[in-house]
Amino acid sequence: MLKSIFFFLFTHFAVGLLLTIIFVSLAEIGKLFVRVTTWVAFVLVLLALLAQPFGSIRPESLLH
């Protein structure tokens, strides 16, 4: 249950950060903000996947 909460929280934050880039012009916020926001969203998605809300996925199980 807690893993699912962390997964949805981190992915929600990441999507929210990426949506701010879409709705605000680049000239208004600058390139540095876009880069930092993208990297923070990437880290949040990684943290969400590290929470393993769907159990451990082994690469060899994907081949069968």
N, C-alpha and C. Protein backbone atom coordinates (compact mmCIF):
# COMPACT_ATOMS: atom_id res chain seq x y z
N MET A 1 0.82 -1.19 0.00
CA MET A 1 0.00 0.00 0.00
C MET A 1 0.87 1.26 0.00
N LEU A 2 1.89 1.27 0.86
CA LEU A 2 2.76 2.44 0.95
C LEU A 2 3.57 2.62 -0.34
N LYS A 3 3.96 1.51 -0.96
CA LYS A 3 4.69 1.59 -2.22
C LYS A 3 3.84 2.23 -3.30
N SER A 4 2.58 1.89 -3.33
CA SER A 4 1.68 2.48 -4.33
C SER A 4 1.49 3.97 -4.09
N ILE A 5 1.43 4.36 -2.84
CA ILE A 5 1.28 5.79 -2.52
C ILE A 5 2.49 6.56 -2.99
N PHE A 6 3.70 6.04 -2.70
CA PHE A 6 4.91 6.71 -3.17
C PHE A 6 4.96 6.76 -4.69
N PHE A 7 4.59 5.68 -5.35
CA PHE A 7 4.60 5.64 -6.81
C PHE A 7 3.68 6.70 -7.38
N PHE A 8 2.44 6.76 -6.93
CA PHE A 8 1.50 7.73 -7.47
C PHE A 8 1.86 9.16 -7.10
N LEU A 9 2.42 9.37 -5.92
CA LEU A 9 2.82 10.71 -5.50
C LEU A 9 3.97 11.22 -6.37
N PHE A 10 5.00 10.40 -6.56
CA PHE A 10 6.15 10.83 -7.35
C PHE A 10 5.79 11.02 -8.82
N THR A 11 4.98 10.13 -9.37
CA THR A 11 4.60 10.30 -10.77
C THR A 11 3.68 11.52 -10.94
N HIS A 12 2.85 11.78 -9.97
CA HIS A 12 1.98 12.96 -10.01
C HIS A 12 2.82 14.23 -10.01
N PHE A 13 3.83 14.29 -9.15
CA PHE A 13 4.72 15.45 -9.12
C PHE A 13 5.47 15.61 -10.44
N ALA A 14 5.95 14.50 -11.00
CA ALA A 14 6.71 14.56 -12.25
C ALA A 14 5.84 15.06 -13.40
N VAL A 15 4.63 14.57 -13.49
CA VAL A 15 3.72 15.01 -14.56
C VAL A 15 3.36 16.48 -14.37
N GLY A 16 3.15 16.90 -13.14
CA GLY A 16 2.86 18.30 -12.87
C GLY A 16 4.00 19.22 -13.27
N LEU A 17 5.22 18.80 -12.99
CA LEU A 17 6.38 19.60 -13.39
C LEU A 17 6.49 19.70 -14.90
N LEU A 18 6.26 18.59 -15.59
CA LEU A 18 6.36 18.62 -17.05
C LEU A 18 5.23 19.41 -17.68
N LEU A 19 4.07 19.45 -17.06
CA LEU A 19 2.97 20.25 -17.59
C LEU A 19 3.24 21.74 -17.48
N THR A 20 4.02 22.16 -16.47
CA THR A 20 4.35 23.58 -16.38
C THR A 20 5.21 24.02 -17.56
N ILE A 21 6.04 23.11 -18.07
CA ILE A 21 6.87 23.45 -19.22
C ILE A 21 5.99 23.65 -20.46
N ILE A 22 4.93 22.89 -20.59
CA ILE A 22 4.07 22.98 -21.77
C ILE A 22 3.29 24.28 -21.78
N PHE A 23 2.80 24.71 -20.63
CA PHE A 23 1.89 25.85 -20.59
C PHE A 23 2.56 27.21 -20.43
N VAL A 24 3.85 27.24 -20.11
CA VAL A 24 4.56 28.51 -19.95
C VAL A 24 5.60 28.61 -21.06
N SER A 25 5.72 29.77 -21.67
CA SER A 25 6.63 29.92 -22.80
C SER A 25 8.09 29.85 -22.35
N LEU A 26 8.94 29.39 -23.25
CA LEU A 26 10.36 29.24 -22.95
C LEU A 26 11.02 30.58 -22.71
N ALA A 27 10.59 31.60 -23.44
CA ALA A 27 11.17 32.93 -23.25
C ALA A 27 10.86 33.49 -21.87
N GLU A 28 9.75 33.07 -21.32
CA GLU A 28 9.33 33.58 -20.01
C GLU A 28 10.06 32.91 -18.86
N ILE A 29 10.35 31.62 -18.97
CA ILE A 29 10.95 30.91 -17.84
C ILE A 29 12.44 30.65 -18.01
N GLY A 30 12.94 30.58 -19.22
CA GLY A 30 14.36 30.39 -19.45
C GLY A 30 14.74 28.93 -19.61
N LYS A 31 15.90 28.72 -20.24
CA LYS A 31 16.37 27.37 -20.53
C LYS A 31 16.79 26.62 -19.26
N LEU A 32 17.37 27.34 -18.31
CA LEU A 32 17.83 26.68 -17.09
C LEU A 32 16.67 26.07 -16.31
N PHE A 33 15.56 26.79 -16.23
CA PHE A 33 14.40 26.26 -15.53
C PHE A 33 13.87 25.00 -16.20
N VAL A 34 13.87 25.00 -17.54
CA VAL A 34 13.39 23.83 -18.27
C VAL A 34 14.30 22.64 -18.01
N ARG A 35 15.60 22.86 -18.04
CA ARG A 35 16.55 21.77 -17.79
C ARG A 35 16.41 21.22 -16.38
N VAL A 36 16.35 22.10 -15.40
CA VAL A 36 16.25 21.66 -14.01
C VAL A 36 14.93 20.93 -13.78
N THR A 37 13.85 21.46 -14.32
CA THR A 37 12.54 20.83 -14.15
C THR A 37 12.51 19.45 -14.80
N THR A 38 13.11 19.33 -15.96
CA THR A 38 13.15 18.04 -16.64
C THR A 38 13.94 17.02 -15.83
N TRP A 39 15.09 17.42 -15.31
CA TRP A 39 15.91 16.50 -14.50
C TRP A 39 15.22 16.11 -13.20
N VAL A 40 14.55 17.06 -12.57
CA VAL A 40 13.82 16.74 -11.33
C VAL A 40 12.69 15.76 -11.63
N ALA A 41 11.98 15.97 -12.74
CA ALA A 41 10.91 15.04 -13.12
C ALA A 41 11.48 13.66 -13.41
N PHE A 42 12.64 13.60 -14.06
CA PHE A 42 13.29 12.32 -14.35
C PHE A 42 13.66 11.60 -13.05
N VAL A 43 14.20 12.33 -12.09
CA VAL A 43 14.57 11.72 -10.80
C VAL A 43 13.32 11.24 -10.06
N LEU A 44 12.24 12.01 -10.12
CA LEU A 44 11.01 11.59 -9.46
C LEU A 44 10.44 10.31 -10.08
N VAL A 45 10.53 10.19 -11.40
CA VAL A 45 10.07 8.96 -12.05
C VAL A 45 10.95 7.79 -11.64
N LEU A 46 12.26 8.01 -11.55
CA LEU A 46 13.15 6.94 -11.08
C LEU A 46 12.82 6.52 -9.66
N LEU A 47 12.57 7.49 -8.79
CA LEU A 47 12.19 7.16 -7.41
C LEU A 47 10.87 6.39 -7.37
N ALA A 48 9.96 6.77 -8.25
CA ALA A 48 8.68 6.06 -8.31
C ALA A 48 8.88 4.61 -8.74
N LEU A 49 9.77 4.40 -9.70
CA LEU A 49 10.02 3.03 -10.15
C LEU A 49 10.82 2.24 -9.12
N LEU A 50 11.67 2.91 -8.36
CA LEU A 50 12.42 2.21 -7.31
C LEU A 50 11.51 1.77 -6.16
N ALA A 51 10.37 2.40 -6.02
CA ALA A 51 9.42 1.98 -4.98
C ALA A 51 8.84 0.61 -5.28
N GLN A 52 8.93 0.16 -6.52
CA GLN A 52 8.44 -1.13 -6.99
C GLN A 52 7.00 -1.41 -6.54
N PRO A 53 6.06 -0.60 -7.00
CA PRO A 53 4.68 -0.80 -6.56
C PRO A 53 4.05 -2.06 -7.13
N PHE A 54 4.59 -2.58 -8.22
CA PHE A 54 4.01 -3.75 -8.85
C PHE A 54 4.84 -4.99 -8.61
N GLY A 55 5.68 -4.97 -7.61
CA GLY A 55 6.54 -6.11 -7.31
C GLY A 55 7.84 -6.03 -8.08
N SER A 56 8.71 -6.94 -7.80
CA SER A 56 10.00 -6.97 -8.47
C SER A 56 9.85 -7.58 -9.86
N ILE A 57 10.30 -6.86 -10.85
CA ILE A 57 10.24 -7.34 -12.22
C ILE A 57 11.64 -7.76 -12.62
N ARG A 58 11.81 -9.04 -12.88
CA ARG A 58 13.11 -9.56 -13.30
C ARG A 58 13.17 -9.56 -14.82
N PRO A 59 14.32 -9.21 -15.39
CA PRO A 59 14.42 -9.17 -16.86
C PRO A 59 14.17 -10.52 -17.52
N GLU A 60 14.57 -11.60 -16.87
CA GLU A 60 14.37 -12.91 -17.50
C GLU A 60 12.89 -13.31 -17.52
N SER A 61 12.09 -12.76 -16.62
CA SER A 61 10.66 -13.08 -16.63
C SER A 61 9.94 -12.38 -17.78
N LEU A 62 10.53 -11.32 -18.31
CA LEU A 62 9.91 -10.62 -19.43
C LEU A 62 10.09 -11.36 -20.75
N LEU A 63 11.09 -12.23 -20.82
CA LEU A 63 11.38 -12.94 -22.06
C LEU A 63 10.46 -14.14 -22.28
N HIS A 64 9.83 -14.66 -21.25
CA HIS A 64 9.00 -15.86 -21.38
C HIS A 64 7.56 -15.52 -21.63
